[in-house]
Amino acid sequence: QVRIVESGGGLVQPGGSLRLSCVVSGSLFSIYAVRWYRQCPGEQRDLVAEITGGGARIYADSVKGRFTISRDNAKYTAYLQMNSLKPEDTGVYYCNFIQNWGQGTQVTVSS
């Protein structure tokens, strides 16, 4: 059974930074992709970034150049470094691993 725990969200001013963490239980962590999704109020859950088991990365156009996804297989943890945050980045950020979801962490970008 896979368990996912996200952390690192919070309130930040526009232009600020946050680093989200996603801890995944289970021995398959190093093999499969980890994905971060964002759900803004009243909208669907959209893919923000993905990192494969081999380290390949993809990003949504809206976050390219500002967000960086990474993983530490020894710690069963994936990260999302978010820089130059904008109000439109506000939402609940979810980590996804082999179709399993965490509880989400709230990110609010506001002055």
PDB file of N, CA and C in Angstrom:
ATOM      1  N   GLN A   1       0.842  -1.186   0.000  1.00  0.00           N
ATOM      2  CA  GLN A   1       0.000   0.000   0.000  1.00  0.00           C
ATOM      3  C   GLN A   1       0.879   1.237   0.000  1.00  0.00           C
ATOM      4  N   VAL A   2       0.558   2.173  -0.891  1.00  0.00           N
ATOM      5  CA  VAL A   2       1.333   3.393  -1.017  1.00  0.00           C
ATOM      6  C   VAL A   2       0.718   4.486  -0.153  1.00  0.00           C
ATOM      7  N   ARG A   3       1.548   5.159   0.611  1.00  0.00           N
ATOM      8  CA  ARG A   3       1.102   6.310   1.394  1.00  0.00           C
ATOM      9  C   ARG A   3       1.918   7.526   0.965  1.00  0.00           C
ATOM     10  N   ILE A   4       1.226   8.641   0.767  1.00  0.00           N
ATOM     11  CA  ILE A   4       1.869   9.861   0.286  1.00  0.00           C
ATOM     12  C   ILE A   4       1.567  10.992   1.250  1.00  0.00           C
ATOM     13  N   VAL A   5       2.591  11.734   1.645  1.00  0.00           N
ATOM     14  CA  VAL A   5       2.413  12.872   2.543  1.00  0.00           C
ATOM     15  C   VAL A   5       3.118  14.080   1.946  1.00  0.00           C
ATOM     16  N   GLU A   6       2.345  15.129   1.680  1.00  0.00           N
ATOM     17  CA  GLU A   6       2.906  16.382   1.169  1.00  0.00           C
ATOM     18  C   GLU A   6       3.081  17.370   2.317  1.00  0.00           C
ATOM     19  N   SER A   7       4.023  18.273   2.148  1.00  0.00           N
ATOM     20  CA  SER A   7       4.229  19.348   3.122  1.00  0.00           C
ATOM     21  C   SER A   7       4.930  20.502   2.432  1.00  0.00           C
ATOM     22  N   GLY A   8       4.988  21.644   3.135  1.00  0.00           N
ATOM     23  CA  GLY A   8       5.740  22.782   2.627  1.00  0.00           C
ATOM     24  C   GLY A   8       4.910  23.935   2.117  1.00  0.00           C
ATOM     25  N   GLY A   9       3.598  23.763   2.062  1.00  0.00           N
ATOM     26  CA  GLY A   9       2.759  24.860   1.601  1.00  0.00           C
ATOM     27  C   GLY A   9       2.696  25.986   2.617  1.00  0.00           C
ATOM     28  N   GLY A  10       2.052  27.064   2.210  1.00  0.00           N
ATOM     29  CA  GLY A  10       1.900  28.193   3.118  1.00  0.00           C
ATOM     30  C   GLY A  10       1.498  29.447   2.380  1.00  0.00           C
ATOM     31  N   LEU A  11       1.578  30.559   3.092  1.00  0.00           N
ATOM     32  CA  LEU A  11       1.254  31.870   2.534  1.00  0.00           C
ATOM     33  C   LEU A  11       2.559  32.584   2.177  1.00  0.00           C
ATOM     34  N   VAL A  12       2.641  33.081   0.974  1.00  0.00           N
ATOM     35  CA  VAL A  12       3.852  33.760   0.517  1.00  0.00           C
ATOM     36  C   VAL A  12       3.450  34.956  -0.342  1.00  0.00           C
ATOM     37  N   GLN A  13       4.266  35.990  -0.335  1.00  0.00           N
ATOM     38  CA  GLN A  13       3.993  37.166  -1.150  1.00  0.00           C
ATOM     39  C   GLN A  13       4.384  36.908  -2.611  1.00  0.00           C
ATOM     40  N   PRO A  14       3.775  37.614  -3.527  1.00  0.00           N
ATOM     41  CA  PRO A  14       4.177  37.487  -4.931  1.00  0.00           C
ATOM     42  C   PRO A  14       5.686  37.721  -5.088  1.00  0.00           C
ATOM     43  N   GLY A  15       6.305  36.875  -5.901  1.00  0.00           N
ATOM     44  CA  GLY A  15       7.747  36.933  -6.075  1.00  0.00           C
ATOM     45  C   GLY A  15       8.521  36.060  -5.118  1.00  0.00           C
ATOM     46  N   GLY A  16       7.846  35.525  -4.137  1.00  0.00           N
ATOM     47  CA  GLY A  16       8.503  34.682  -3.141  1.00  0.00           C
ATOM     48  C   GLY A  16       8.682  33.247  -3.612  1.00  0.00           C
ATOM     49  N   SER A  17       9.199  32.424  -2.690  1.00  0.00           N
ATOM     50  CA  SER A  17       9.511  31.025  -3.008  1.00  0.00           C
ATOM     51  C   SER A  17       8.980  30.094  -1.927  1.00  0.00           C
ATOM     52  N   LEU A  18       8.699  28.883  -2.341  1.00  0.00           N
ATOM     53  CA  LEU A  18       8.339  27.795  -1.433  1.00  0.00           C
ATOM     54  C   LEU A  18       8.918  26.510  -2.004  1.00  0.00           C
ATOM     55  N   ARG A  19       9.194  25.564  -1.117  1.00  0.00           N
ATOM     56  CA  ARG A  19       9.590  24.230  -1.554  1.00  0.00           C
ATOM     57  C   ARG A  19       8.642  23.211  -0.961  1.00  0.00           C
ATOM     58  N   LEU A  20       7.959  22.495  -1.828  1.00  0.00           N
ATOM     59  CA  LEU A  20       7.060  21.441  -1.394  1.00  0.00           C
ATOM     60  C   LEU A  20       7.808  20.109  -1.368  1.00  0.00           C
ATOM     61  N   SER A  21       7.414  19.271  -0.412  1.00  0.00           N
ATOM     62  CA  SER A  21       7.987  17.938  -0.293  1.00  0.00           C
ATOM     63  C   SER A  21       6.893  16.891  -0.391  1.00  0.00           C
ATOM     64  N   CYS A  22       7.243  15.756  -0.951  1.00  0.00           N
ATOM     65  CA  CYS A  22       6.307  14.631  -1.102  1.00  0.00           C
ATOM     66  C   CYS A  22       7.047  13.370  -0.674  1.00  0.00           C
ATOM     67  N   VAL A  23       6.645  12.820   0.458  1.00  0.00           N
ATOM     68  CA  VAL A  23       7.266  11.596   0.956  1.00  0.00           C
ATOM     69  C   VAL A  23       6.361  10.426   0.590  1.00  0.00           C
ATOM     70  N   VAL A  24       6.955   9.418  -0.044  1.00  0.00           N
ATOM     71  CA  VAL A  24       6.200   8.267  -0.548  1.00  0.00           C
ATOM     72  C   VAL A  24       6.678   7.000   0.130  1.00  0.00           C
ATOM     73  N   SER A  25       5.767   6.244   0.682  1.00  0.00           N
ATOM     74  CA  SER A  25       6.140   4.951   1.252  1.00  0.00           C
ATOM     75  C   SER A  25       6.167   3.912   0.147  1.00  0.00           C
ATOM     76  N   GLY A  26       6.964   2.860   0.317  1.00  0.00           N
ATOM     77  CA  GLY A  26       6.963   1.799  -0.682  1.00  0.00           C
ATOM     78  C   GLY A  26       8.277   1.670  -1.417  1.00  0.00           C
ATOM     79  N   SER A  27       8.636   0.435  -1.727  1.00  0.00           N
ATOM     80  CA  SER A  27       9.935   0.145  -2.325  1.00  0.00           C
ATOM     81  C   SER A  27      10.015   0.467  -3.810  1.00  0.00           C
ATOM     82  N   LEU A  28       8.902   0.824  -4.456  1.00  0.00           N
ATOM     83  CA  LEU A  28       8.904   1.079  -5.887  1.00  0.00           C
ATOM     84  C   LEU A  28       9.221   2.535  -6.231  1.00  0.00           C
ATOM     85  N   PHE A  29       9.533   3.337  -5.240  1.00  0.00           N
ATOM     86  CA  PHE A  29       9.645   4.779  -5.453  1.00  0.00           C
ATOM     87  C   PHE A  29      10.615   5.124  -6.567  1.00  0.00           C
ATOM     88  N   SER A  30      11.767   4.490  -6.600  1.00  0.00           N
ATOM     89  CA  SER A  30      12.801   4.880  -7.562  1.00  0.00           C
ATOM     90  C   SER A  30      12.452   4.504  -9.001  1.00  0.00           C
ATOM     91  N   ILE A  31      11.451   3.671  -9.180  1.00  0.00           N
ATOM     92  CA  ILE A  31      11.148   3.142 -10.518  1.00  0.00           C
ATOM     93  C   ILE A  31      10.174   4.021 -11.289  1.00  0.00           C
ATOM     94  N   TYR A  32       9.195   4.577 -10.601  1.00  0.00           N
ATOM     95  CA  TYR A  32       8.089   5.245 -11.271  1.00  0.00           C
ATOM     96  C   TYR A  32       8.150   6.764 -11.152  1.00  0.00           C
ATOM     97  N   ALA A  33       7.367   7.378 -12.030  1.00  0.00           N
ATOM     98  CA  ALA A  33       7.296   8.830 -12.059  1.00  0.00           C
ATOM     99  C   ALA A  33       6.537   9.378 -10.852  1.00  0.00           C
ATOM    100  N   VAL A  34       6.907  10.576 -10.458  1.00  0.00           N
ATOM    101  CA  VAL A  34       6.193  11.344  -9.441  1.00  0.00           C
ATOM    102  C   VAL A  34       5.676  12.604 -10.124  1.00  0.00           C
ATOM    103  N   ARG A  35       4.459  12.930  -9.817  1.00  0.00           N
ATOM    104  CA  ARG A  35       3.829  14.099 -10.439  1.00  0.00           C
ATOM    105  C   ARG A  35       3.267  15.033  -9.380  1.00  0.00           C
ATOM    106  N   TRP A  36       3.374  16.318  -9.653  1.00  0.00           N
ATOM    107  CA  TRP A  36       2.720  17.346  -8.838  1.00  0.00           C
ATOM    108  C   TRP A  36       1.574  17.930  -9.661  1.00  0.00           C
ATOM    109  N   TYR A  37       0.411  18.020  -9.019  1.00  0.00           N
ATOM    110  CA  TYR A  37      -0.770  18.624  -9.618  1.00  0.00           C
ATOM    111  C   TYR A  37      -1.176  19.827  -8.764  1.00  0.00           C
ATOM    112  N   ARG A  38      -1.919  20.710  -9.386  1.00  0.00           N
ATOM    113  CA  ARG A  38      -2.456  21.886  -8.698  1.00  0.00           C
ATOM    114  C   ARG A  38      -3.949  21.980  -8.984  1.00  0.00           C
ATOM    115  N   GLN A  39      -4.700  22.271  -7.934  1.00  0.00           N
ATOM    116  CA  GLN A  39      -6.131  22.490  -8.079  1.00  0.00           C
ATOM    117  C   GLN A  39      -6.465  23.859  -7.536  1.00  0.00           C
ATOM    118  N   CYS A  40      -6.841  24.753  -8.436  1.00  0.00           N
ATOM    119  CA  CYS A  40      -7.244  26.096  -8.037  1.00  0.00           C
ATOM    120  C   CYS A  40      -8.735  26.078  -7.696  1.00  0.00           C
ATOM    121  N   PRO A  41      -9.172  27.028  -6.870  1.00  0.00           N
ATOM    122  CA  PRO A  41     -10.585  27.041  -6.471  1.00  0.00           C
ATOM    123  C   PRO A  41     -11.524  27.012  -7.674  1.00  0.00           C
ATOM    124  N   GLY A  42     -12.449  26.054  -7.657  1.00  0.00           N
ATOM    125  CA  GLY A  42     -13.447  25.958  -8.713  1.00  0.00           C
ATOM    126  C   GLY A  42     -12.964  25.386 -10.009  1.00  0.00           C
ATOM    127  N   GLU A  43     -11.728  24.879 -10.027  1.00  0.00           N
ATOM    128  CA  GLU A  43     -11.178  24.353 -11.269  1.00  0.00           C
ATOM    129  C   GLU A  43     -10.768  22.895 -11.112  1.00  0.00           C
ATOM    130  N   GLN A  44     -10.420  22.279 -12.229  1.00  0.00           N
ATOM    131  CA  GLN A  44      -9.984  20.889 -12.177  1.00  0.00           C
ATOM    132  C   GLN A  44      -8.533  20.809 -11.721  1.00  0.00           C
ATOM    133  N   ARG A  45      -8.118  19.612 -11.402  1.00  0.00           N
ATOM    134  CA  ARG A  45      -6.754  19.361 -10.963  1.00  0.00           C
ATOM    135  C   ARG A  45      -5.871  19.213 -12.205  1.00  0.00           C
ATOM    136  N   ASP A  46      -4.857  20.068 -12.306  1.00  0.00           N
ATOM    137  CA  ASP A  46      -4.003  20.094 -13.496  1.00  0.00           C
ATOM    138  C   ASP A  46      -2.567  19.699 -13.160  1.00  0.00           C
ATOM    139  N   LEU A  47      -1.909  19.050 -14.112  1.00  0.00           N
ATOM    140  CA  LEU A  47      -0.518  18.664 -13.933  1.00  0.00           C
ATOM    141  C   LEU A  47       0.380  19.892 -13.956  1.00  0.00           C
ATOM    142  N   VAL A  48       1.259  19.970 -12.968  1.00  0.00           N
ATOM    143  CA  VAL A  48       2.230  21.067 -12.879  1.00  0.00           C
ATOM    144  C   VAL A  48       3.604  20.600 -13.338  1.00  0.00           C
ATOM    145  N   ALA A  49       4.031  19.434 -12.829  1.00  0.00           N
ATOM    146  CA  ALA A  49       5.360  18.938 -13.163  1.00  0.00           C
ATOM    147  C   ALA A  49       5.418  17.439 -12.928  1.00  0.00           C
ATOM    148  N   GLU A  50       6.321  16.801 -13.668  1.00  0.00           N
ATOM    149  CA  GLU A  50       6.522  15.360 -13.543  1.00  0.00           C
ATOM    150  C   GLU A  50       8.008  15.055 -13.625  1.00  0.00           C
ATOM    151  N   ILE A  51       8.436  14.072 -12.837  1.00  0.00           N
ATOM    152  CA  ILE A  51       9.804  13.564 -12.955  1.00  0.00           C
ATOM    153  C   ILE A  51       9.727  12.047 -13.021  1.00  0.00           C
ATOM    154  N   THR A  52      10.341  11.473 -14.034  1.00  0.00           N
ATOM    155  CA  THR A  52      10.304  10.026 -14.205  1.00  0.00           C
ATOM    156  C   THR A  52      11.322   9.344 -13.289  1.00  0.00           C
ATOM    157  N   GLY A  53      11.271   8.021 -13.267  1.00  0.00           N
ATOM    158  CA  GLY A  53      12.250   7.275 -12.487  1.00  0.00           C
ATOM    159  C   GLY A  53      13.677   7.532 -12.970  1.00  0.00           C
ATOM    160  N   GLY A  54      13.825   7.821 -14.252  1.00  0.00           N
ATOM    161  CA  GLY A  54      15.131   8.102 -14.823  1.00  0.00           C
ATOM    162  C   GLY A  54      15.556   9.551 -14.708  1.00  0.00           C
ATOM    163  N   GLY A  55      14.690  10.397 -14.184  1.00  0.00           N
ATOM    164  CA  GLY A  55      15.041  11.793 -13.950  1.00  0.00           C
ATOM    165  C   GLY A  55      14.592  12.764 -15.025  1.00  0.00           C
ATOM    166  N   ALA A  56      13.888  12.284 -16.057  1.00  0.00           N
ATOM    167  CA  ALA A  56      13.376  13.202 -17.075  1.00  0.00           C
ATOM    168  C   ALA A  56      12.258  14.049 -16.476  1.00  0.00           C
ATOM    169  N   ARG A  57      12.203  15.295 -16.904  1.00  0.00           N
ATOM    170  CA  ARG A  57      11.228  16.237 -16.317  1.00  0.00           C
ATOM    171  C   ARG A  57      10.365  16.867 -17.395  1.00  0.00           C
ATOM    172  N   ILE A  58       9.110  17.107 -17.041  1.00  0.00           N
ATOM    173  CA  ILE A  58       8.245  17.922 -17.870  1.00  0.00           C
ATOM    174  C   ILE A  58       7.529  18.917 -16.968  1.00  0.00           C
ATOM    175  N   TYR A  59       7.171  20.056 -17.558  1.00  0.00           N
ATOM    176  CA  TYR A  59       6.528  21.127 -16.805  1.00  0.00           C
ATOM    177  C   TYR A  59       5.352  21.691 -17.598  1.00  0.00           C
ATOM    178  N   ALA A  60       4.348  22.153 -16.868  1.00  0.00           N
ATOM    179  CA  ALA A  60       3.297  22.925 -17.492  1.00  0.00           C
ATOM    180  C   ALA A  60       3.891  24.238 -18.001  1.00  0.00           C
ATOM    181  N   ASP A  61       3.367  24.746 -19.104  1.00  0.00           N
ATOM    182  CA  ASP A  61       3.900  25.987 -19.672  1.00  0.00           C
ATOM    183  C   ASP A  61       3.871  27.136 -18.664  1.00  0.00           C
ATOM    184  N   SER A  62       2.864  27.140 -17.812  1.00  0.00           N
ATOM    185  CA  SER A  62       2.676  28.255 -16.888  1.00  0.00           C
ATOM    186  C   SER A  62       3.746  28.331 -15.806  1.00  0.00           C
ATOM    187  N   VAL A  63       4.492  27.243 -15.609  1.00  0.00           N
ATOM    188  CA  VAL A  63       5.495  27.244 -14.534  1.00  0.00           C
ATOM    189  C   VAL A  63       6.920  27.063 -15.039  1.00  0.00           C
ATOM    190  N   LYS A  64       7.092  26.886 -16.335  1.00  0.00           N
ATOM    191  CA  LYS A  64       8.439  26.686 -16.893  1.00  0.00           C
ATOM    192  C   LYS A  64       9.331  27.872 -16.565  1.00  0.00           C
ATOM    193  N   GLY A  65      10.545  27.567 -16.109  1.00  0.00           N
ATOM    194  CA  GLY A  65      11.495  28.607 -15.744  1.00  0.00           C
ATOM    195  C   GLY A  65      11.343  29.107 -14.329  1.00  0.00           C
ATOM    196  N   ARG A  66      10.265  28.728 -13.661  1.00  0.00           N
ATOM    197  CA  ARG A  66      10.038  29.178 -12.277  1.00  0.00           C
ATOM    198  C   ARG A  66      10.025  28.016 -11.293  1.00  0.00           C
ATOM    199  N   PHE A  67       9.514  26.875 -11.706  1.00  0.00           N
ATOM    200  CA  PHE A  67       9.407  25.705 -10.829  1.00  0.00           C
ATOM    201  C   PHE A  67      10.435  24.658 -11.246  1.00  0.00           C
ATOM    202  N   THR A  68      10.938  23.928 -10.256  1.00  0.00           N
ATOM    203  CA  THR A  68      11.854  22.823 -10.523  1.00  0.00           C
ATOM    204  C   THR A  68      11.420  21.603  -9.715  1.00  0.00           C
ATOM    205  N   ILE A  69      11.236  20.495 -10.402  1.00  0.00           N
ATOM    206  CA  ILE A  69      10.897  19.241  -9.722  1.00  0.00           C
ATOM    207  C   ILE A  69      12.163  18.407  -9.592  1.00  0.00           C
ATOM    208  N   SER A  70      12.299  17.733  -8.461  1.00  0.00           N
ATOM    209  CA  SER A  70      13.454  16.876  -8.236  1.00  0.00           C
ATOM    210  C   SER A  70      13.039  15.713  -7.347  1.00  0.00           C
ATOM    211  N   ARG A  71      13.939  14.757  -7.206  1.00  0.00           N
ATOM    212  CA  ARG A  71      13.640  13.613  -6.347  1.00  0.00           C
ATOM    213  C   ARG A  71      14.919  13.119  -5.699  1.00  0.00           C
ATOM    214  N   ASP A  72      14.759  12.561  -4.515  1.00  0.00           N
ATOM    215  CA  ASP A  72      15.850  11.917  -3.787  1.00  0.00           C
ATOM    216  C   ASP A  72      15.375  10.509  -3.480  1.00  0.00           C
ATOM    217  N   ASN A  73      15.811   9.555  -4.291  1.00  0.00           N
ATOM    218  CA  ASN A  73      15.303   8.193  -4.134  1.00  0.00           C
ATOM    219  C   ASN A  73      15.710   7.570  -2.798  1.00  0.00           C
ATOM    220  N   ALA A  74      16.848   7.966  -2.279  1.00  0.00           N
ATOM    221  CA  ALA A  74      17.298   7.416  -0.990  1.00  0.00           C
ATOM    222  C   ALA A  74      16.372   7.837   0.148  1.00  0.00           C
ATOM    223  N   LYS A  75      15.704   8.985  -0.029  1.00  0.00           N
ATOM    224  CA  LYS A  75      14.795   9.493   1.003  1.00  0.00           C
ATOM    225  C   LYS A  75      13.329   9.276   0.639  1.00  0.00           C
ATOM    226  N   TYR A  76      13.065   8.614  -0.492  1.00  0.00           N
ATOM    227  CA  TYR A  76      11.691   8.373  -0.939  1.00  0.00           C
ATOM    228  C   TYR A  76      10.907   9.686  -0.996  1.00  0.00           C
ATOM    229  N   THR A  77      11.562  10.717  -1.455  1.00  0.00           N
ATOM    230  CA  THR A  77      10.981  12.055  -1.426  1.00  0.00           C
ATOM    231  C   THR A  77      11.147  12.758  -2.766  1.00  0.00           C
ATOM    232  N   ALA A  78      10.095  13.440  -3.180  1.00  0.00           N
ATOM    233  CA  ALA A  78      10.146  14.320  -4.332  1.00  0.00           C
ATOM    234  C   ALA A  78       9.899  15.745  -3.862  1.00  0.00           C
ATOM    235  N   TYR A  79      10.446  16.692  -4.614  1.00  0.00           N
ATOM    236  CA  TYR A  79      10.346  18.095  -4.231  1.00  0.00           C
ATOM    237  C   TYR A  79       9.809  18.921  -5.404  1.00  0.00           C
ATOM    238  N   LEU A  80       9.200  20.031  -5.045  1.00  0.00           N
ATOM    239  CA  LEU A  80       8.825  21.024  -6.044  1.00  0.00           C
ATOM    240  C   LEU A  80       9.294  22.376  -5.530  1.00  0.00           C
ATOM    241  N   GLN A  81      10.368  22.878  -6.118  1.00  0.00           N
ATOM    242  CA  GLN A  81      10.870  24.200  -5.772  1.00  0.00           C
ATOM    243  C   GLN A  81      10.135  25.218  -6.611  1.00  0.00           C
ATOM    244  N   MET A  82       9.483  26.148  -5.949  1.00  0.00           N
ATOM    245  CA  MET A  82       8.659  27.141  -6.640  1.00  0.00           C
ATOM    246  C   MET A  82       9.225  28.529  -6.368  1.00  0.00           C
ATOM    247  N   ASN A  83       9.695  29.171  -7.414  1.00  0.00           N
ATOM    248  CA  ASN A  83      10.255  30.517  -7.322  1.00  0.00           C
ATOM    249  C   ASN A  83       9.395  31.509  -8.105  1.00  0.00           C
ATOM    250  N   SER A  84       9.604  32.775  -7.838  1.00  0.00           N
ATOM    251  CA  SER A  84       8.873  33.842  -8.538  1.00  0.00           C
ATOM    252  C   SER A  84       7.376  33.570  -8.554  1.00  0.00           C
ATOM    253  N   LEU A  85       6.854  33.247  -7.392  1.00  0.00           N
ATOM    254  CA  LEU A  85       5.448  32.856  -7.293  1.00  0.00           C
ATOM    255  C   LEU A  85       4.516  34.004  -7.650  1.00  0.00           C
ATOM    256  N   LYS A  86       3.403  33.637  -8.265  1.00  0.00           N
ATOM    257  CA  LYS A  86       2.389  34.588  -8.703  1.00  0.00           C
ATOM    258  C   LYS A  86       1.060  34.256  -8.014  1.00  0.00           C
ATOM    259  N   PRO A  87       0.169  35.237  -7.908  1.00  0.00           N
ATOM    260  CA  PRO A  87      -1.142  34.943  -7.304  1.00  0.00           C
ATOM    261  C   PRO A  87      -1.867  33.787  -7.994  1.00  0.00           C
ATOM    262  N   GLU A  88      -1.680  33.642  -9.282  1.00  0.00           N
ATOM    263  CA  GLU A  88      -2.359  32.549  -9.997  1.00  0.00           C
ATOM    264  C   GLU A  88      -1.776  31.174  -9.698  1.00  0.00           C
ATOM    265  N   ASP A  89      -0.693  31.124  -8.944  1.00  0.00           N
ATOM    266  CA  ASP A  89      -0.154  29.835  -8.486  1.00  0.00           C
ATOM    267  C   ASP A  89      -0.894  29.317  -7.244  1.00  0.00           C
ATOM    268  N   THR A  90      -1.768  30.143  -6.708  1.00  0.00           N
ATOM    269  CA  THR A  90      -2.539  29.753  -5.522  1.00  0.00           C
ATOM    270  C   THR A  90      -3.381  28.519  -5.807  1.00  0.00           C
ATOM    271  N   GLY A  91      -3.382  27.588  -4.865  1.00  0.00           N
ATOM    272  CA  GLY A  91      -4.176  26.381  -5.004  1.00  0.00           C
ATOM    273  C   GLY A  91      -3.695  25.310  -4.058  1.00  0.00           C
ATOM    274  N   VAL A  92      -4.339  24.166  -4.134  1.00  0.00           N
ATOM    275  CA  VAL A  92      -3.902  23.005  -3.372  1.00  0.00           C
ATOM    276  C   VAL A  92      -3.020  22.160  -4.285  1.00  0.00           C
ATOM    277  N   TYR A  93      -1.843  21.849  -3.803  1.00  0.00           N
ATOM    278  CA  TYR A  93      -0.876  21.074  -4.575  1.00  0.00           C
ATOM    279  C   TYR A  93      -0.887  19.625  -4.085  1.00  0.00           C
ATOM    280  N   TYR A  94      -1.055  18.720  -5.031  1.00  0.00           N
ATOM    281  CA  TYR A  94      -1.147  17.298  -4.723  1.00  0.00           C
ATOM    282  C   TYR A  94       0.015  16.550  -5.374  1.00  0.00           C
ATOM    283  N   CYS A  95       0.514  15.571  -4.664  1.00  0.00           N
ATOM    284  CA  CYS A  95       1.530  14.668  -5.189  1.00  0.00           C
ATOM    285  C   CYS A  95       0.844  13.378  -5.636  1.00  0.00           C
ATOM    286  N   ASN A  96       1.296  12.869  -6.758  1.00  0.00           N
ATOM    287  CA  ASN A  96       0.712  11.650  -7.320  1.00  0.00           C
ATOM    288  C   ASN A  96       1.804  10.649  -7.632  1.00  0.00           C
ATOM    289  N   PHE A  97       1.567   9.408  -7.226  1.00  0.00           N
ATOM    290  CA  PHE A  97       2.528   8.331  -7.476  1.00  0.00           C
ATOM    291  C   PHE A  97       1.746   7.054  -7.744  1.00  0.00           C
ATOM    292  N   ILE A  98       1.908   6.500  -8.908  1.00  0.00           N
ATOM    293  CA  ILE A  98       1.212   5.277  -9.341  1.00  0.00           C
ATOM    294  C   ILE A  98      -0.276   5.372  -8.993  1.00  0.00           C
ATOM    295  N   GLN A  99      -0.905   6.433  -9.418  1.00  0.00           N
ATOM    296  CA  GLN A  99      -2.343   6.649  -9.261  1.00  0.00           C
ATOM    297  C   GLN A  99      -2.774   6.777  -7.808  1.00  0.00           C
ATOM    298  N   ASN A 100      -1.852   7.020  -6.909  1.00  0.00           N
ATOM    299  CA  ASN A 100      -2.151   7.304  -5.509  1.00  0.00           C
ATOM    300  C   ASN A 100      -1.933   8.798  -5.254  1.00  0.00           C
ATOM    301  N   TRP A 101      -2.781   9.343  -4.364  1.00  0.00           N
ATOM    302  CA  TRP A 101      -2.751  10.776  -4.085  1.00  0.00           C
ATOM    303  C   TRP A 101      -2.480  11.048  -2.621  1.00  0.00           C
ATOM    304  N   GLY A 102      -1.771  12.143  -2.376  1.00  0.00           N
ATOM    305  CA  GLY A 102      -1.663  12.626  -1.014  1.00  0.00           C
ATOM    306  C   GLY A 102      -2.863  13.478  -0.657  1.00  0.00           C
ATOM    307  N   GLN A 103      -2.802  14.086   0.546  1.00  0.00           N
ATOM    308  CA  GLN A 103      -3.925  14.880   1.031  1.00  0.00           C
ATOM    309  C   GLN A 103      -3.873  16.308   0.501  1.00  0.00           C
ATOM    310  N   GLY A 104      -2.734  16.694  -0.065  1.00  0.00           N
ATOM    311  CA  GLY A 104      -2.582  18.029  -0.612  1.00  0.00           C
ATOM    312  C   GLY A 104      -2.027  19.008   0.393  1.00  0.00           C
ATOM    313  N   THR A 105      -1.397  20.058  -0.131  1.00  0.00           N
ATOM    314  CA  THR A 105      -0.877  21.131   0.705  1.00  0.00           C
ATOM    315  C   THR A 105      -1.249  22.462   0.052  1.00  0.00           C
ATOM    316  N   GLN A 106      -1.770  23.366   0.870  1.00  0.00           N
ATOM    317  CA  GLN A 106      -2.289  24.638   0.361  1.00  0.00           C
ATOM    318  C   GLN A 106      -1.154  25.629   0.134  1.00  0.00           C
ATOM    319  N   VAL A 107      -1.157  26.237  -1.033  1.00  0.00           N
ATOM    320  CA  VAL A 107      -0.237  27.325  -1.357  1.00  0.00           C
ATOM    321  C   VAL A 107      -1.072  28.558  -1.666  1.00  0.00           C
ATOM    322  N   THR A 108      -0.796  29.639  -0.962  1.00  0.00           N
ATOM    323  CA  THR A 108      -1.490  30.893  -1.185  1.00  0.00           C
ATOM    324  C   THR A 108      -0.469  31.980  -1.472  1.00  0.00           C
ATOM    325  N   VAL A 109      -0.611  32.606  -2.636  1.00  0.00           N
ATOM    326  CA  VAL A 109       0.293  33.684  -3.020  1.00  0.00           C
ATOM    327  C   VAL A 109      -0.509  34.982  -3.006  1.00  0.00           C
ATOM    328  N   SER A 110      -0.192  35.819  -2.051  1.00  0.00           N
ATOM    329  CA  SER A 110      -0.972  37.035  -1.880  1.00  0.00           C
ATOM    330  C   SER A 110      -0.168  38.065  -1.114  1.00  0.00           C
ATOM    331  N   SER A 111      -0.405  39.324  -1.433  1.00  0.00           N
ATOM    332  CA  SER A 111       0.241  40.404  -0.685  1.00  0.00           C
ATOM    333  C   SER A 111      -0.656  40.880   0.441  1.00  0.00           C
TER     334      SER A 111
END
